N, C-alpha and C. Protein backbone atom coordinates (compact mmCIF):
# COMPACT_ATOMS: atom_id res chain seq x y z
N MET A 1 0.77 -1.18 0.00
CA MET A 1 0.00 0.00 0.00
C MET A 1 0.81 1.25 0.00
N THR A 2 1.88 1.10 0.31
CA THR A 2 2.75 2.25 0.32
C THR A 2 2.96 2.80 -1.07
N SER A 3 3.10 1.89 -1.94
CA SER A 3 3.29 2.42 -3.27
C SER A 3 1.99 3.00 -3.81
N GLY A 4 0.89 2.43 -3.45
CA GLY A 4 -0.41 2.98 -3.87
C GLY A 4 -0.70 4.25 -3.12
N GLY A 5 -0.31 4.27 -1.85
CA GLY A 5 -0.54 5.49 -1.04
C GLY A 5 0.38 6.59 -1.49
N THR A 6 1.56 6.26 -1.90
CA THR A 6 2.49 7.27 -2.36
C THR A 6 2.03 7.80 -3.71
N ALA A 7 1.53 6.92 -4.50
CA ALA A 7 1.07 7.38 -5.80
C ALA A 7 -0.14 8.29 -5.64
N ILE A 8 -1.00 7.96 -4.72
CA ILE A 8 -2.18 8.80 -4.49
C ILE A 8 -1.73 10.11 -3.88
N SER A 9 -0.77 10.02 -2.95
CA SER A 9 -0.28 11.27 -2.38
C SER A 9 0.39 12.11 -3.44
N GLY A 10 1.11 11.51 -4.36
CA GLY A 10 1.76 12.28 -5.43
C GLY A 10 0.74 12.92 -6.35
N ILE A 11 -0.29 12.14 -6.61
CA ILE A 11 -1.35 12.67 -7.49
C ILE A 11 -2.08 13.81 -6.78
N LEU A 12 -2.35 13.60 -5.50
CA LEU A 12 -3.01 14.67 -4.74
C LEU A 12 -2.12 15.90 -4.66
N PHE A 13 -0.82 15.70 -4.49
CA PHE A 13 0.11 16.83 -4.44
C PHE A 13 0.09 17.58 -5.76
N LEU A 14 0.13 16.82 -6.83
CA LEU A 14 0.12 17.47 -8.15
C LEU A 14 -1.20 18.21 -8.38
N LEU A 15 -2.29 17.58 -7.98
CA LEU A 15 -3.59 18.25 -8.17
C LEU A 15 -3.69 19.51 -7.31
N CYS A 16 -3.21 19.41 -6.08
CA CYS A 16 -3.23 20.60 -5.21
C CYS A 16 -2.33 21.69 -5.77
N SER A 17 -1.18 21.29 -6.26
CA SER A 17 -0.27 22.28 -6.84
C SER A 17 -0.91 22.93 -8.07
N GLY A 18 -1.56 22.11 -8.88
CA GLY A 18 -2.25 22.65 -10.07
C GLY A 18 -3.37 23.61 -9.68
N LEU A 19 -4.11 23.22 -8.63
CA LEU A 19 -5.18 24.11 -8.16
C LEU A 19 -4.61 25.41 -7.61
N MET A 20 -3.49 25.33 -6.89
CA MET A 20 -2.86 26.54 -6.35
C MET A 20 -2.39 27.46 -7.49
N LEU A 21 -1.75 26.85 -8.46
CA LEU A 21 -1.28 27.65 -9.61
C LEU A 21 -2.48 28.27 -10.34
N ASN A 22 -3.54 27.48 -10.47
CA ASN A 22 -4.76 27.98 -11.13
C ASN A 22 -5.35 29.13 -10.33
N MET A 23 -5.37 28.99 -8.98
CA MET A 23 -5.90 30.07 -8.13
C MET A 23 -5.04 31.33 -8.24
N LEU A 24 -3.71 31.16 -8.23
CA LEU A 24 -2.82 32.32 -8.37
C LEU A 24 -3.01 33.00 -9.73
N ASN A 25 -3.13 32.19 -10.74
CA ASN A 25 -3.35 32.71 -12.09
C ASN A 25 -4.70 33.44 -12.17
N ALA A 26 -5.73 32.87 -11.55
CA ALA A 26 -7.06 33.49 -11.55
C ALA A 26 -7.01 34.82 -10.80
N ARG A 27 -6.27 34.86 -9.67
CA ARG A 27 -6.15 36.11 -8.91
C ARG A 27 -5.44 37.17 -9.75
N THR A 28 -4.39 36.78 -10.43
CA THR A 28 -3.65 37.72 -11.28
C THR A 28 -4.57 38.25 -12.40
N GLN A 29 -5.28 37.33 -13.01
CA GLN A 29 -6.20 37.74 -14.08
C GLN A 29 -7.32 38.62 -13.53
N ASN A 30 -7.83 38.27 -12.34
CA ASN A 30 -8.89 39.09 -11.73
C ASN A 30 -8.37 40.49 -11.40
N ALA A 31 -7.14 40.57 -10.89
CA ALA A 31 -6.55 41.88 -10.59
C ALA A 31 -6.37 42.68 -11.87
N SER A 32 -5.91 42.01 -12.91
CA SER A 32 -5.73 42.67 -14.21
C SER A 32 -7.08 43.14 -14.76
N LEU A 33 -8.08 42.28 -14.65
CA LEU A 33 -9.43 42.64 -15.11
C LEU A 33 -10.00 43.79 -14.28
N ALA A 34 -9.76 43.76 -12.96
CA ALA A 34 -10.25 44.85 -12.09
C ALA A 34 -9.59 46.17 -12.48
N THR A 35 -8.29 46.14 -12.77
CA THR A 35 -7.58 47.35 -13.22
C THR A 35 -8.15 47.84 -14.54
N THR A 36 -8.38 46.90 -15.45
CA THR A 36 -8.95 47.26 -16.77
C THR A 36 -10.34 47.86 -16.59
N ILE A 37 -11.15 47.26 -15.71
CA ILE A 37 -12.51 47.77 -15.46
C ILE A 37 -12.43 49.18 -14.87
N ASP A 38 -11.53 49.41 -13.92
CA ASP A 38 -11.38 50.74 -13.33
C ASP A 38 -10.95 51.77 -14.38
N ARG A 39 -9.99 51.36 -15.23
CA ARG A 39 -9.54 52.26 -16.30
C ARG A 39 -10.68 52.57 -17.27
N LEU A 40 -11.46 51.55 -17.61
CA LEU A 40 -12.59 51.75 -18.53
C LEU A 40 -13.68 52.62 -17.88
N ARG A 41 -13.93 52.43 -16.59
CA ARG A 41 -14.90 53.29 -15.90
C ARG A 41 -14.43 54.75 -15.89
N SER A 42 -13.12 54.93 -15.67
CA SER A 42 -12.56 56.28 -15.69
C SER A 42 -12.70 56.89 -17.09
N ASP A 43 -12.39 56.09 -18.11
CA ASP A 43 -12.56 56.57 -19.50
C ASP A 43 -14.02 56.90 -19.79
N LEU A 44 -14.92 56.05 -19.28
CA LEU A 44 -16.35 56.30 -19.47
C LEU A 44 -16.78 57.60 -18.80
N ARG A 45 -16.28 57.86 -17.57
CA ARG A 45 -16.61 59.12 -16.88
C ARG A 45 -16.09 60.32 -17.67
N ARG A 46 -14.85 60.22 -18.17
CA ARG A 46 -14.29 61.31 -18.97
C ARG A 46 -15.10 61.52 -20.24
N ALA A 47 -15.47 60.42 -20.89
CA ALA A 47 -16.26 60.52 -22.12
C ALA A 47 -17.63 61.12 -21.82
N THR A 48 -18.23 60.71 -20.70
CA THR A 48 -19.54 61.25 -20.31
C THR A 48 -19.43 62.74 -20.01
N ASP A 49 -18.37 63.11 -19.27
CA ASP A 49 -18.15 64.54 -18.98
C ASP A 49 -17.92 65.33 -20.25
N SER A 50 -17.12 64.77 -21.14
CA SER A 50 -16.84 65.43 -22.42
C SER A 50 -18.13 65.56 -23.24
N PHE A 51 -18.93 64.49 -23.24
CA PHE A 51 -20.20 64.54 -23.96
C PHE A 51 -21.11 65.62 -23.37
N THR A 52 -21.16 65.69 -22.03
CA THR A 52 -22.00 66.70 -21.37
C THR A 52 -21.54 68.10 -21.75
N ILE A 53 -20.22 68.33 -21.74
CA ILE A 53 -19.69 69.64 -22.11
C ILE A 53 -20.02 69.95 -23.57
N CYS A 54 -19.80 68.98 -24.45
CA CYS A 54 -20.10 69.18 -25.87
C CYS A 54 -21.60 69.42 -26.08
N SER A 55 -22.40 68.70 -25.34
CA SER A 55 -23.85 68.88 -25.46
C SER A 55 -24.26 70.28 -25.03
N LYS A 56 -23.68 70.76 -23.92
CA LYS A 56 -23.99 72.12 -23.46
C LYS A 56 -23.53 73.15 -24.49
N GLU A 57 -22.31 72.96 -25.01
CA GLU A 57 -21.81 73.88 -26.04
C GLU A 57 -22.71 73.85 -27.27
N PHE A 58 -23.13 72.65 -27.67
CA PHE A 58 -24.01 72.53 -28.82
C PHE A 58 -25.32 73.27 -28.57
N ASN A 59 -25.91 73.08 -27.39
CA ASN A 59 -27.16 73.76 -27.06
C ASN A 59 -26.97 75.27 -27.05
N ASN A 60 -25.84 75.74 -26.48
CA ASN A 60 -25.57 77.18 -26.47
C ASN A 60 -25.41 77.72 -27.89
N LYS A 61 -24.67 76.98 -28.71
CA LYS A 61 -24.48 77.42 -30.10
C LYS A 61 -25.80 77.36 -30.86
N ASN A 62 -26.62 76.35 -30.56
CA ASN A 62 -27.93 76.24 -31.20
C ASN A 62 -28.81 77.42 -30.83
N ILE A 63 -28.76 77.81 -29.55
CA ILE A 63 -29.53 78.98 -29.09
C ILE A 63 -29.01 80.23 -29.77
N ASP A 64 -27.67 80.38 -29.85
CA ASP A 64 -27.09 81.53 -30.54
C ASP A 64 -27.50 81.56 -32.00
N PHE A 65 -27.49 80.37 -32.62
CA PHE A 65 -27.89 80.29 -34.02
C PHE A 65 -29.34 80.71 -34.21
N LYS A 66 -30.21 80.24 -33.32
CA LYS A 66 -31.63 80.62 -33.41
C LYS A 66 -31.79 82.11 -33.22
N GLU A 67 -31.07 82.68 -32.23
CA GLU A 67 -31.17 84.12 -31.98
C GLU A 67 -30.68 84.90 -33.19
N LYS A 68 -29.57 84.46 -33.78
CA LYS A 68 -29.04 85.16 -34.95
C LYS A 68 -29.97 84.99 -36.15
N SER A 69 -30.59 83.82 -36.27
CA SER A 69 -31.56 83.61 -37.36
C SER A 69 -32.75 84.54 -37.19
N GLU A 70 -33.25 84.66 -35.96
CA GLU A 70 -34.37 85.56 -35.70
C GLU A 70 -33.94 87.02 -35.95
N GLU A 71 -32.74 87.37 -35.52
CA GLU A 71 -32.24 88.73 -35.73
C GLU A 71 -32.10 89.01 -37.22
N LEU A 72 -31.59 88.03 -37.95
CA LEU A 72 -31.45 88.17 -39.39
C LEU A 72 -32.82 88.31 -40.05
N ALA A 73 -33.79 87.54 -39.60
CA ALA A 73 -35.15 87.65 -40.16
C ALA A 73 -35.74 89.03 -39.88
N LYS A 74 -35.51 89.55 -38.66
CA LYS A 74 -36.01 90.88 -38.32
C LYS A 74 -35.32 91.94 -39.17
N LYS A 75 -34.01 91.79 -39.37
CA LYS A 75 -33.28 92.76 -40.19
C LYS A 75 -33.73 92.68 -41.65
N ASP A 76 -34.00 91.46 -42.11
CA ASP A 76 -34.48 91.29 -43.48
C ASP A 76 -35.85 91.95 -43.64
N GLU A 77 -36.72 91.77 -42.65
CA GLU A 77 -38.04 92.39 -42.67
C GLU A 77 -37.90 93.92 -42.64
N LYS A 78 -37.01 94.40 -41.79
CA LYS A 78 -36.78 95.84 -41.69
C LYS A 78 -36.23 96.38 -43.01
N LYS A 79 -35.36 95.59 -43.65
CA LYS A 79 -34.80 95.99 -44.94
C LYS A 79 -35.91 96.13 -45.98
N LYS A 80 -36.84 95.17 -45.99
CA LYS A 80 -37.95 95.22 -46.94
C LYS A 80 -38.82 96.45 -46.68
N ILE A 81 -39.06 96.73 -45.39
CA ILE A 81 -39.86 97.91 -45.04
C ILE A 81 -39.16 99.17 -45.51
N LEU A 82 -37.85 99.26 -45.27
CA LEU A 82 -37.10 100.44 -45.68
C LEU A 82 -37.06 100.58 -47.20
N GLU A 83 -36.94 99.44 -47.90
CA GLU A 83 -36.96 99.49 -49.36
C GLU A 83 -38.32 99.99 -49.86
N ASN A 84 -39.40 99.54 -49.23
CA ASN A 84 -40.73 100.02 -49.61
C ASN A 84 -40.86 101.52 -49.34
N GLU A 85 -40.37 101.95 -48.17
CA GLU A 85 -40.42 103.38 -47.85
C GLU A 85 -39.58 104.17 -48.84
N LYS A 86 -38.42 103.63 -49.22
CA LYS A 86 -37.56 104.30 -50.19
C LYS A 86 -38.28 104.45 -51.52
N GLU A 87 -38.96 103.38 -51.93
CA GLU A 87 -39.70 103.40 -53.19
C GLU A 87 -40.81 104.47 -53.14
N ILE A 88 -41.52 104.50 -52.01
CA ILE A 88 -42.59 105.49 -51.84
C ILE A 88 -42.02 106.90 -51.88
N LEU A 89 -40.90 107.09 -51.17
CA LEU A 89 -40.27 108.42 -51.14
C LEU A 89 -39.75 108.80 -52.52
N ASN A 90 -39.19 107.84 -53.26
CA ASN A 90 -38.72 108.15 -54.62
C ASN A 90 -39.88 108.55 -55.52
N LYS A 91 -41.02 107.86 -55.38
CA LYS A 91 -42.21 108.24 -56.17
C LYS A 91 -42.66 109.64 -55.78
N HIS A 92 -42.66 109.92 -54.47
CA HIS A 92 -43.06 111.24 -53.99
C HIS A 92 -42.10 112.32 -54.51
N ILE A 93 -40.80 112.01 -54.51
CA ILE A 93 -39.81 112.96 -55.03
C ILE A 93 -40.05 113.20 -56.51
N SER A 94 -40.34 112.13 -57.26
CA SER A 94 -40.62 112.29 -58.70
C SER A 94 -41.84 113.19 -58.92
N GLU A 95 -42.88 112.96 -58.13
CA GLU A 95 -44.08 113.79 -58.24
C GLU A 95 -43.76 115.25 -57.92
N LEU A 96 -43.00 115.45 -56.86
CA LEU A 96 -42.64 116.83 -56.48
C LEU A 96 -41.76 117.47 -57.54
N GLN A 97 -40.85 116.69 -58.16
CA GLN A 97 -40.03 117.24 -59.23
C GLN A 97 -40.89 117.62 -60.43
N LYS A 98 -41.89 116.79 -60.74
CA LYS A 98 -42.80 117.13 -61.84
C LYS A 98 -43.57 118.40 -61.51
N GLN A 99 -44.04 118.48 -60.25
CA GLN A 99 -44.76 119.69 -59.85
C GLN A 99 -43.86 120.91 -59.90
N LEU A 100 -42.60 120.75 -59.50
CA LEU A 100 -41.65 121.85 -59.53
C LEU A 100 -41.40 122.29 -60.96
N THR A 101 -41.20 121.31 -61.83
CA THR A 101 -40.99 121.63 -63.25
C THR A 101 -42.22 122.34 -63.81
N SER A 102 -43.39 121.82 -63.46
CA SER A 102 -44.64 122.43 -63.92
C SER A 102 -44.77 123.84 -63.36
N ALA A 103 -44.42 124.02 -62.09
CA ALA A 103 -44.51 125.34 -61.47
C ALA A 103 -43.52 126.30 -62.12
N LYS A 104 -42.32 125.82 -62.44
CA LYS A 104 -41.34 126.68 -63.11
C LYS A 104 -41.86 127.11 -64.47
N ASP A 105 -42.43 126.13 -65.21
CA ASP A 105 -43.01 126.47 -66.51
C ASP A 105 -44.15 127.46 -66.33
N GLY A 106 -44.98 127.23 -65.32
CA GLY A 106 -46.10 128.13 -65.04
C GLY A 106 -45.60 129.49 -64.60
N LYS A 107 -44.52 129.53 -63.85
CA LYS A 107 -43.94 130.81 -63.40
C LYS A 107 -43.43 131.58 -64.60
N THR A 108 -42.80 130.90 -65.53
CA THR A 108 -42.32 131.56 -66.74
C THR A 108 -43.50 132.13 -67.51
N LYS A 109 -44.55 131.30 -67.63
CA LYS A 109 -45.74 131.80 -68.34
C LYS A 109 -46.37 132.94 -67.57
N THR A 110 -46.44 132.80 -66.25
CA THR A 110 -47.04 133.85 -65.43
C THR A 110 -46.21 135.12 -65.52
N GLY A 111 -44.89 134.97 -65.53
CA GLY A 111 -44.02 136.14 -65.68
C GLY A 111 -44.27 136.83 -67.01
N GLU A 112 -44.42 136.04 -68.04
CA GLU A 112 -44.71 136.61 -69.37
C GLU A 112 -46.08 137.28 -69.36
N GLU A 113 -47.06 136.65 -68.70
CA GLU A 113 -48.39 137.25 -68.61
C GLU A 113 -48.34 138.55 -67.83
N ILE A 114 -47.54 138.56 -66.75
CA ILE A 114 -47.42 139.79 -65.96
C ILE A 114 -46.81 140.90 -66.81
N GLN A 115 -45.78 140.57 -67.57
CA GLN A 115 -45.16 141.57 -68.45
C GLN A 115 -46.18 142.08 -69.47
N GLY A 116 -46.99 141.16 -70.00
CA GLY A 116 -48.04 141.55 -70.96
C GLY A 116 -49.06 142.46 -70.29
N PHE A 117 -49.47 142.12 -69.03
CA PHE A 117 -50.42 142.96 -68.30
C PHE A 117 -49.82 144.33 -68.01
N LYS A 118 -48.53 144.37 -67.68
CA LYS A 118 -47.87 145.66 -67.42
C LYS A 118 -47.87 146.51 -68.68
N LYS A 119 -47.56 145.90 -69.81
CA LYS A 119 -47.53 146.64 -71.07
C LYS A 119 -48.93 147.15 -71.40
N THR A 120 -49.95 146.29 -71.18
CA THR A 120 -51.33 146.70 -71.43
C THR A 120 -51.71 147.85 -70.50
N LEU A 121 -51.31 147.75 -69.23
CA LEU A 121 -51.59 148.80 -68.25
C LEU A 121 -50.91 150.11 -68.65
N GLU A 122 -49.66 150.00 -69.10
CA GLU A 122 -48.96 151.21 -69.54
C GLU A 122 -49.66 151.83 -70.75
N ASP A 123 -50.09 150.96 -71.66
CA ASP A 123 -50.81 151.46 -72.84
C ASP A 123 -52.11 152.15 -72.41
N ILE A 124 -52.82 151.54 -71.45
CA ILE A 124 -54.07 152.14 -70.97
C ILE A 124 -53.77 153.48 -70.31
N LYS A 125 -52.69 153.53 -69.50
CA LYS A 125 -52.33 154.79 -68.84
C LYS A 125 -52.00 155.86 -69.88
N LYS A 126 -51.25 155.46 -70.90
CA LYS A 126 -50.90 156.43 -71.95
C LYS A 126 -52.16 156.93 -72.63
N ASN A 127 -53.01 155.99 -72.98
CA ASN A 127 -54.26 156.39 -73.65
C ASN A 127 -55.11 157.25 -72.72
N PHE A 128 -55.15 156.92 -71.44
CA PHE A 128 -55.94 157.70 -70.49
C PHE A 128 -55.34 159.09 -70.31
N SER A 129 -54.02 159.16 -70.22
CA SER A 129 -53.41 160.48 -70.05
C SER A 129 -53.59 161.31 -71.31
N LEU A 130 -53.56 160.69 -72.45
CA LEU A 130 -53.81 161.44 -73.67
C LEU A 130 -55.26 161.91 -73.70
N ALA A 131 -56.16 161.09 -73.26
CA ALA A 131 -57.56 161.43 -73.27
C ALA A 131 -57.83 162.53 -72.27
N VAL A 132 -57.17 162.56 -71.14
CA VAL A 132 -57.37 163.59 -70.13
C VAL A 132 -56.73 164.89 -70.59
N ALA A 133 -55.54 164.82 -71.19
CA ALA A 133 -54.84 166.02 -71.63
C ALA A 133 -55.57 166.69 -72.78
N SER A 134 -56.11 165.99 -73.67
CA SER A 134 -56.85 166.60 -74.77
C SER A 134 -58.24 166.03 -74.81
N PRO A 135 -59.21 166.82 -74.28
CA PRO A 135 -60.57 166.32 -74.27
C PRO A 135 -61.06 166.15 -75.71
N PRO A 136 -61.90 165.22 -75.91
CA PRO A 136 -62.37 164.98 -77.27
C PRO A 136 -63.22 166.16 -77.78
N VAL A 137 -63.10 166.40 -79.03
CA VAL A 137 -63.87 167.47 -79.65
C VAL A 137 -65.32 167.02 -79.74
N ALA A 138 -66.17 167.90 -79.25
CA ALA A 138 -67.58 167.55 -79.21
C ALA A 138 -68.18 167.79 -80.58
N SER A 139 -69.02 166.96 -80.97
CA SER A 139 -69.70 167.13 -82.24
C SER A 139 -70.88 168.05 -82.04
N GLN A 140 -71.49 168.52 -83.09
CA GLN A 140 -72.58 169.48 -83.00
C GLN A 140 -73.73 168.91 -82.22
N GLY A 141 -74.02 167.64 -82.33
CA GLY A 141 -75.12 167.04 -81.60
C GLY A 141 -74.81 167.08 -80.11
N ASP A 142 -73.56 166.97 -79.78
CA ASP A 142 -73.16 166.95 -78.39
C ASP A 142 -73.30 168.38 -77.83
N SER A 143 -72.92 169.41 -78.63
CA SER A 143 -73.01 170.78 -78.14
C SER A 143 -74.45 171.23 -78.00
N GLN A 144 -75.31 170.76 -78.85
CA GLN A 144 -76.71 171.12 -78.71
C GLN A 144 -77.30 170.45 -77.48
N ALA A 145 -76.91 169.24 -77.25
CA ALA A 145 -77.43 168.53 -76.10
C ALA A 145 -76.92 169.21 -74.83
N ALA A 146 -75.73 169.76 -74.88
CA ALA A 146 -75.18 170.40 -73.70
C ALA A 146 -75.87 171.74 -73.49
N ALA A 147 -76.24 172.47 -74.56
CA ALA A 147 -76.88 173.78 -74.45
C ALA A 147 -78.35 173.65 -74.10
N ALA A 148 -78.98 172.62 -74.39
CA ALA A 148 -80.41 172.48 -74.19
C ALA A 148 -80.84 172.56 -72.73
N PRO A 149 -80.25 172.12 -71.86
CA PRO A 149 -80.84 172.16 -70.51
C PRO A 149 -80.83 173.50 -69.93
């Protein structure tokens, strides 16, 4: 039995040694896996933080973009209003220029008419002064009518 007991003891020793080596190897692998898991968790936290920061920046830029789009739309609307006002003012200026041109033409005509009226007035004055300076010669019918009363 000694040889059978020794063989069993040898086999048990080898099995125990194998189990010990397996346990040490498993511990080493578990430690390595735990380190890898910790590193991955740390990377995940950094990625999550980075994502949060990027998300906030994106939202801020999106808000800025919306504000600038609204501002641009308001400026575009204001531009259209100003262009319409400009068009209206240009039409009004054209009308006023036509009226001014018409008034200038009318003033020229009126000035000519005034000169004509002045000449007519002077002619009337001359004729009146001539008529006052030399009374008209009365005809015989006129002298009889004057003597009759």
